[in-house]
Amino acid sequence: MNPEIQYPEIKEMKNDEIFIEWAYIIRSKRNGGNLNLHTKTIIKKQSYRAFVKALEQEYKVEQEDVELVTISR
């Protein structure tokens, strides 16, 4: 399947940008279990770490507990 059909905003994406389709937050069951966030957002590649850091702080997890599914040019 062509991702540009599912997400037309990818066609307008620049080389220095990255499309984040999903964010997976891995947590223990006693902390509410795992979260699957369908983010569908475009950010600058340089902002990748800041995006992960924001998720870490919001969901109170460590860096290794955040997994992103991305599409880049």
PDB file of N, CA and C in Angstrom:
ATOM      1  N   MET A   1       0.832  -1.178   0.000  1.00  0.00           N
ATOM      2  CA  MET A   1       0.000   0.000   0.000  1.00  0.00           C
ATOM      3  C   MET A   1       0.878   1.244   0.000  1.00  0.00           C
ATOM      4  N   ASN A   2       0.489   2.202  -0.792  1.00  0.00           N
ATOM      5  CA  ASN A   2       1.217   3.459  -0.908  1.00  0.00           C
ATOM      6  C   ASN A   2       0.807   4.388   0.248  1.00  0.00           C
ATOM      7  N   PRO A   3       1.757   4.774   1.114  1.00  0.00           N
ATOM      8  CA  PRO A   3       1.392   5.633   2.246  1.00  0.00           C
ATOM      9  C   PRO A   3       0.890   7.014   1.822  1.00  0.00           C
ATOM     10  N   GLU A   4       1.279   7.488   0.628  1.00  0.00           N
ATOM     11  CA  GLU A   4       0.820   8.796   0.169  1.00  0.00           C
ATOM     12  C   GLU A   4      -0.676   8.807  -0.130  1.00  0.00           C
ATOM     13  N   ILE A   5      -1.250   7.644  -0.385  1.00  0.00           N
ATOM     14  CA  ILE A   5      -2.701   7.561  -0.587  1.00  0.00           C
ATOM     15  C   ILE A   5      -3.405   7.663   0.763  1.00  0.00           C
ATOM     16  N   GLN A   6      -2.880   6.966   1.756  1.00  0.00           N
ATOM     17  CA  GLN A   6      -3.486   6.983   3.083  1.00  0.00           C
ATOM     18  C   GLN A   6      -3.263   8.325   3.789  1.00  0.00           C
ATOM     19  N   TYR A   7      -2.101   8.924   3.592  1.00  0.00           N
ATOM     20  CA  TYR A   7      -1.749  10.201   4.221  1.00  0.00           C
ATOM     21  C   TYR A   7      -1.294  11.188   3.138  1.00  0.00           C
ATOM     22  N   PRO A   8      -2.211  11.904   2.508  1.00  0.00           N
ATOM     23  CA  PRO A   8      -1.842  12.813   1.418  1.00  0.00           C
ATOM     24  C   PRO A   8      -0.880  13.934   1.838  1.00  0.00           C
ATOM     25  N   GLU A   9      -0.831  14.257   3.138  1.00  0.00           N
ATOM     26  CA  GLU A   9       0.077  15.306   3.598  1.00  0.00           C
ATOM     27  C   GLU A   9       1.551  14.946   3.380  1.00  0.00           C
ATOM     28  N   ILE A  10       1.842  13.672   3.185  1.00  0.00           N
ATOM     29  CA  ILE A  10       3.218  13.235   2.940  1.00  0.00           C
ATOM     30  C   ILE A  10       3.736  13.795   1.611  1.00  0.00           C
ATOM     31  N   LYS A  11       2.853  13.991   0.647  1.00  0.00           N
ATOM     32  CA  LYS A  11       3.265  14.519  -0.665  1.00  0.00           C
ATOM     33  C   LYS A  11       3.912  15.889  -0.536  1.00  0.00           C
ATOM     34  N   GLU A  12       3.489  16.673   0.438  1.00  0.00           N
ATOM     35  CA  GLU A  12       3.996  18.039   0.626  1.00  0.00           C
ATOM     36  C   GLU A  12       5.184  18.100   1.579  1.00  0.00           C
ATOM     37  N   MET A  13       5.593  16.962   2.109  1.00  0.00           N
ATOM     38  CA  MET A  13       6.657  16.917   3.092  1.00  0.00           C
ATOM     39  C   MET A  13       8.012  17.268   2.461  1.00  0.00           C
ATOM     40  N   LYS A  14       8.818  18.021   3.193  1.00  0.00           N
ATOM     41  CA  LYS A  14      10.151  18.409   2.729  1.00  0.00           C
ATOM     42  C   LYS A  14      11.177  17.370   3.182  1.00  0.00           C
ATOM     43  N   ASN A  15      12.372  17.424   2.615  1.00  0.00           N
ATOM     44  CA  ASN A  15      13.429  16.465   2.941  1.00  0.00           C
ATOM     45  C   ASN A  15      13.893  16.541   4.388  1.00  0.00           C
ATOM     46  N   ASP A  16      13.738  17.701   5.027  1.00  0.00           N
ATOM     47  CA  ASP A  16      14.175  17.851   6.416  1.00  0.00           C
ATOM     48  C   ASP A  16      13.045  17.582   7.410  1.00  0.00           C
ATOM     49  N   GLU A  17      11.958  16.964   6.932  1.00  0.00           N
ATOM     50  CA  GLU A  17      10.820  16.658   7.789  1.00  0.00           C
ATOM     51  C   GLU A  17      10.600  15.152   7.885  1.00  0.00           C
ATOM     52  N   ILE A  18       9.888  14.759   8.908  1.00  0.00           N
ATOM     53  CA  ILE A  18       9.582  13.359   9.143  1.00  0.00           C
ATOM     54  C   ILE A  18       8.114  13.263   9.553  1.00  0.00           C
ATOM     55  N   PHE A  19       7.434  12.246   9.044  1.00  0.00           N
ATOM     56  CA  PHE A  19       6.033  12.014   9.364  1.00  0.00           C
ATOM     57  C   PHE A  19       5.968  10.954  10.453  1.00  0.00           C
ATOM     58  N   ILE A  20       5.332  11.280  11.560  1.00  0.00           N
ATOM     59  CA  ILE A  20       5.177  10.322  12.656  1.00  0.00           C
ATOM     60  C   ILE A  20       3.748   9.801  12.605  1.00  0.00           C
ATOM     61  N   GLU A  21       3.639   8.523  12.249  1.00  0.00           N
ATOM     62  CA  GLU A  21       2.321   7.905  12.122  1.00  0.00           C
ATOM     63  C   GLU A  21       1.790   7.440  13.480  1.00  0.00           C
ATOM     64  N   TRP A  22       2.590   6.684  14.213  1.00  0.00           N
ATOM     65  CA  TRP A  22       2.193   6.120  15.499  1.00  0.00           C
ATOM     66  C   TRP A  22       3.259   6.386  16.547  1.00  0.00           C
ATOM     67  N   ALA A  23       2.827   6.556  17.776  1.00  0.00           N
ATOM     68  CA  ALA A  23       3.724   6.584  18.933  1.00  0.00           C
ATOM     69  C   ALA A  23       3.251   5.494  19.875  1.00  0.00           C
ATOM     70  N   TYR A  24       4.151   4.598  20.233  1.00  0.00           N
ATOM     71  CA  TYR A  24       3.846   3.524  21.178  1.00  0.00           C
ATOM     72  C   TYR A  24       4.516   3.847  22.505  1.00  0.00           C
ATOM     73  N   ILE A  25       3.728   3.909  23.555  1.00  0.00           N
ATOM     74  CA  ILE A  25       4.236   4.158  24.893  1.00  0.00           C
ATOM     75  C   ILE A  25       4.167   2.831  25.644  1.00  0.00           C
ATOM     76  N   ILE A  26       5.314   2.309  26.032  1.00  0.00           N
ATOM     77  CA  ILE A  26       5.401   1.012  26.687  1.00  0.00           C
ATOM     78  C   ILE A  26       5.411   1.233  28.205  1.00  0.00           C
ATOM     79  N   ARG A  27       4.367   0.729  28.875  1.00  0.00           N
ATOM     80  CA  ARG A  27       4.265   0.871  30.331  1.00  0.00           C
ATOM     81  C   ARG A  27       3.861  -0.468  30.944  1.00  0.00           C
ATOM     82  N   SER A  28       4.151  -0.616  32.203  1.00  0.00           N
ATOM     83  CA  SER A  28       3.757  -1.841  32.895  1.00  0.00           C
ATOM     84  C   SER A  28       2.240  -1.855  33.092  1.00  0.00           C
ATOM     85  N   LYS A  29       1.695  -3.030  33.297  1.00  0.00           N
ATOM     86  CA  LYS A  29       0.246  -3.159  33.486  1.00  0.00           C
ATOM     87  C   LYS A  29      -0.236  -2.374  34.698  1.00  0.00           C
ATOM     88  N   ARG A  30       0.566  -2.327  35.742  1.00  0.00           N
ATOM     89  CA  ARG A  30       0.123  -1.597  36.932  1.00  0.00           C
ATOM     90  C   ARG A  30       0.127  -0.081  36.710  1.00  0.00           C
ATOM     91  N   ASN A  31       0.818   0.372  35.678  1.00  0.00           N
ATOM     92  CA  ASN A  31       0.821   1.799  35.320  1.00  0.00           C
ATOM     93  C   ASN A  31      -0.132   2.101  34.171  1.00  0.00           C
ATOM     94  N   GLY A  32      -1.071   1.215  33.924  1.00  0.00           N
ATOM     95  CA  GLY A  32      -2.068   1.479  32.893  1.00  0.00           C
ATOM     96  C   GLY A  32      -1.849   0.736  31.595  1.00  0.00           C
ATOM     97  N   GLY A  33      -0.740   0.011  31.458  1.00  0.00           N
ATOM     98  CA  GLY A  33      -0.476  -0.743  30.237  1.00  0.00           C
ATOM     99  C   GLY A  33       0.011   0.133  29.097  1.00  0.00           C
ATOM    100  N   ASN A  34       0.206  -0.494  27.969  1.00  0.00           N
ATOM    101  CA  ASN A  34       0.751   0.193  26.792  1.00  0.00           C
ATOM    102  C   ASN A  34      -0.288   1.117  26.163  1.00  0.00           C
ATOM    103  N   LEU A  35       0.214   2.180  25.523  1.00  0.00           N
ATOM    104  CA  LEU A  35      -0.638   3.109  24.785  1.00  0.00           C
ATOM    105  C   LEU A  35      -0.211   3.134  23.327  1.00  0.00           C
ATOM    106  N   ASN A  36      -1.172   3.143  22.429  1.00  0.00           N
ATOM    107  CA  ASN A  36      -0.913   3.288  20.996  1.00  0.00           C
ATOM    108  C   ASN A  36      -1.550   4.595  20.564  1.00  0.00           C
ATOM    109  N   LEU A  37      -0.716   5.581  20.229  1.00  0.00           N
ATOM    110  CA  LEU A  37      -1.207   6.904  19.855  1.00  0.00           C
ATOM    111  C   LEU A  37      -1.063   7.105  18.352  1.00  0.00           C
ATOM    112  N   HIS A  38      -2.168   7.312  17.667  1.00  0.00           N
ATOM    113  CA  HIS A  38      -2.137   7.559  16.229  1.00  0.00           C
ATOM    114  C   HIS A  38      -1.918   9.063  16.040  1.00  0.00           C
ATOM    115  N   THR A  39      -0.652   9.476  15.951  1.00  0.00           N
ATOM    116  CA  THR A  39      -0.308  10.891  15.988  1.00  0.00           C
ATOM    117  C   THR A  39      -0.491  11.606  14.652  1.00  0.00           C
ATOM    118  N   LYS A  40      -0.129  10.979  13.554  1.00  0.00           N
ATOM    119  CA  LYS A  40      -0.258  11.548  12.205  1.00  0.00           C
ATOM    120  C   LYS A  40       0.202  13.008  12.153  1.00  0.00           C
ATOM    121  N   THR A  41       1.470  13.227  12.445  1.00  0.00           N
ATOM    122  CA  THR A  41       2.000  14.586  12.468  1.00  0.00           C
ATOM    123  C   THR A  41       3.332  14.664  11.730  1.00  0.00           C
ATOM    124  N   ILE A  42       3.634  15.829  11.187  1.00  0.00           N
ATOM    125  CA  ILE A  42       4.902  16.082  10.505  1.00  0.00           C
ATOM    126  C   ILE A  42       5.721  17.028  11.368  1.00  0.00           C
ATOM    127  N   ILE A  43       6.985  16.644  11.619  1.00  0.00           N
ATOM    128  CA  ILE A  43       7.894  17.496  12.380  1.00  0.00           C
ATOM    129  C   ILE A  43       9.219  17.597  11.637  1.00  0.00           C
ATOM    130  N   LYS A  44      10.015  18.565  12.007  1.00  0.00           N
ATOM    131  CA  LYS A  44      11.379  18.668  11.483  1.00  0.00           C
ATOM    132  C   LYS A  44      12.207  17.527  12.053  1.00  0.00           C
ATOM    133  N   LYS A  45      13.130  16.995  11.262  1.00  0.00           N
ATOM    134  CA  LYS A  45      13.973  15.897  11.741  1.00  0.00           C
ATOM    135  C   LYS A  45      14.766  16.303  12.975  1.00  0.00           C
ATOM    136  N   GLN A  46      15.175  17.572  13.061  1.00  0.00           N
ATOM    137  CA  GLN A  46      15.929  18.047  14.213  1.00  0.00           C
ATOM    138  C   GLN A  46      15.080  18.044  15.481  1.00  0.00           C
ATOM    139  N   SER A  47      13.755  18.047  15.341  1.00  0.00           N
ATOM    140  CA  SER A  47      12.846  18.086  16.491  1.00  0.00           C
ATOM    141  C   SER A  47      12.465  16.699  16.992  1.00  0.00           C
ATOM    142  N   TYR A  48      12.996  15.659  16.374  1.00  0.00           N
ATOM    143  CA  TYR A  48      12.648  14.287  16.732  1.00  0.00           C
ATOM    144  C   TYR A  48      12.876  14.025  18.219  1.00  0.00           C
ATOM    145  N   ARG A  49      14.058  14.360  18.709  1.00  0.00           N
ATOM    146  CA  ARG A  49      14.394  14.117  20.117  1.00  0.00           C
ATOM    147  C   ARG A  49      13.479  14.914  21.050  1.00  0.00           C
ATOM    148  N   ALA A  50      13.169  16.147  20.698  1.00  0.00           N
ATOM    149  CA  ALA A  50      12.272  16.973  21.519  1.00  0.00           C
ATOM    150  C   ALA A  50      10.868  16.373  21.553  1.00  0.00           C
ATOM    151  N   PHE A  51      10.430  15.796  20.444  1.00  0.00           N
ATOM    152  CA  PHE A  51       9.118  15.149  20.382  1.00  0.00           C
ATOM    153  C   PHE A  51       9.082  13.952  21.325  1.00  0.00           C
ATOM    154  N   VAL A  52      10.133  13.129  21.291  1.00  0.00           N
ATOM    155  CA  VAL A  52      10.217  11.968  22.179  1.00  0.00           C
ATOM    156  C   VAL A  52      10.269  12.436  23.638  1.00  0.00           C
ATOM    157  N   LYS A  53      11.033  13.474  23.910  1.00  0.00           N
ATOM    158  CA  LYS A  53      11.155  14.000  25.274  1.00  0.00           C
ATOM    159  C   LYS A  53       9.801  14.485  25.787  1.00  0.00           C
ATOM    160  N   ALA A  54       9.026  15.124  24.948  1.00  0.00           N
ATOM    161  CA  ALA A  54       7.694  15.596  25.340  1.00  0.00           C
ATOM    162  C   ALA A  54       6.784  14.414  25.685  1.00  0.00           C
ATOM    163  N   LEU A  55       6.862  13.341  24.899  1.00  0.00           N
ATOM    164  CA  LEU A  55       6.076  12.144  25.198  1.00  0.00           C
ATOM    165  C   LEU A  55       6.528  11.506  26.508  1.00  0.00           C
ATOM    166  N   GLU A  56       7.840  11.473  26.739  1.00  0.00           N
ATOM    167  CA  GLU A  56       8.374  10.922  27.990  1.00  0.00           C
ATOM    168  C   GLU A  56       7.798  11.664  29.192  1.00  0.00           C
ATOM    169  N   GLN A  57       7.806  12.970  29.121  1.00  0.00           N
ATOM    170  CA  GLN A  57       7.328  13.778  30.233  1.00  0.00           C
ATOM    171  C   GLN A  57       5.816  13.670  30.408  1.00  0.00           C
ATOM    172  N   GLU A  58       5.083  13.680  29.312  1.00  0.00           N
ATOM    173  CA  GLU A  58       3.629  13.625  29.395  1.00  0.00           C
ATOM    174  C   GLU A  58       3.136  12.300  29.976  1.00  0.00           C
ATOM    175  N   TYR A  59       3.786  11.197  29.577  1.00  0.00           N
ATOM    176  CA  TYR A  59       3.340   9.877  30.012  1.00  0.00           C
ATOM    177  C   TYR A  59       4.220   9.287  31.115  1.00  0.00           C
ATOM    178  N   LYS A  60       5.177  10.080  31.602  1.00  0.00           N
ATOM    179  CA  LYS A  60       6.046   9.686  32.721  1.00  0.00           C
ATOM    180  C   LYS A  60       6.725   8.331  32.490  1.00  0.00           C
ATOM    181  N   VAL A  61       7.440   8.243  31.355  1.00  0.00           N
ATOM    182  CA  VAL A  61       8.185   7.041  30.999  1.00  0.00           C
ATOM    183  C   VAL A  61       9.608   7.429  30.633  1.00  0.00           C
ATOM    184  N   GLU A  62      10.463   6.433  30.453  1.00  0.00           N
ATOM    185  CA  GLU A  62      11.846   6.646  30.040  1.00  0.00           C
ATOM    186  C   GLU A  62      11.934   6.651  28.504  1.00  0.00           C
ATOM    187  N   GLN A  63      13.066   7.131  27.969  1.00  0.00           N
ATOM    188  CA  GLN A  63      13.272   7.220  26.525  1.00  0.00           C
ATOM    189  C   GLN A  63      13.089   5.870  25.840  1.00  0.00           C
ATOM    190  N   GLU A  64      13.586   4.803  26.453  1.00  0.00           N
ATOM    191  CA  GLU A  64      13.493   3.488  25.818  1.00  0.00           C
ATOM    192  C   GLU A  64      12.064   2.942  25.816  1.00  0.00           C
ATOM    193  N   ASP A  65      11.141   3.623  26.496  1.00  0.00           N
ATOM    194  CA  ASP A  65       9.742   3.202  26.528  1.00  0.00           C
ATOM    195  C   ASP A  65       8.887   3.894  25.475  1.00  0.00           C
ATOM    196  N   VAL A  66       9.504   4.695  24.614  1.00  0.00           N
ATOM    197  CA  VAL A  66       8.784   5.399  23.546  1.00  0.00           C
ATOM    198  C   VAL A  66       9.285   4.883  22.205  1.00  0.00           C
ATOM    199  N   GLU A  67       8.383   4.350  21.412  1.00  0.00           N
ATOM    200  CA  GLU A  67       8.705   3.859  20.065  1.00  0.00           C
ATOM    201  C   GLU A  67       7.853   4.633  19.054  1.00  0.00           C
ATOM    202  N   LEU A  68       8.473   5.109  17.986  1.00  0.00           N
ATOM    203  CA  LEU A  68       7.746   5.858  16.960  1.00  0.00           C
ATOM    204  C   LEU A  68       7.790   5.112  15.630  1.00  0.00           C
ATOM    205  N   VAL A  69       6.664   5.139  14.923  1.00  0.00           N
ATOM    206  CA  VAL A  69       6.593   4.620  13.561  1.00  0.00           C
ATOM    207  C   VAL A  69       6.615   5.837  12.660  1.00  0.00           C
ATOM    208  N   THR A  70       7.666   5.935  11.823  1.00  0.00           N
ATOM    209  CA  THR A  70       7.874   7.152  11.028  1.00  0.00           C
ATOM    210  C   THR A  70       8.001   6.845   9.539  1.00  0.00           C
ATOM    211  N   ILE A  71       7.790   7.897   8.758  1.00  0.00           N
ATOM    212  CA  ILE A  71       8.015   7.865   7.314  1.00  0.00           C
ATOM    213  C   ILE A  71       8.836   9.102   6.981  1.00  0.00           C
ATOM    214  N   SER A  72       9.940   8.920   6.258  1.00  0.00           N
ATOM    215  CA  SER A  72      10.753  10.075   5.855  1.00  0.00           C
ATOM    216  C   SER A  72      11.119   9.948   4.386  1.00  0.00           C
ATOM    217  N   ARG A  73      11.565  11.042   3.822  1.00  0.00           N
ATOM    218  CA  ARG A  73      11.972  11.058   2.411  1.00  0.00           C
ATOM    219  C   ARG A  73      13.416  10.657   2.294  1.00  0.00           C
TER     220      ARG A  73
END
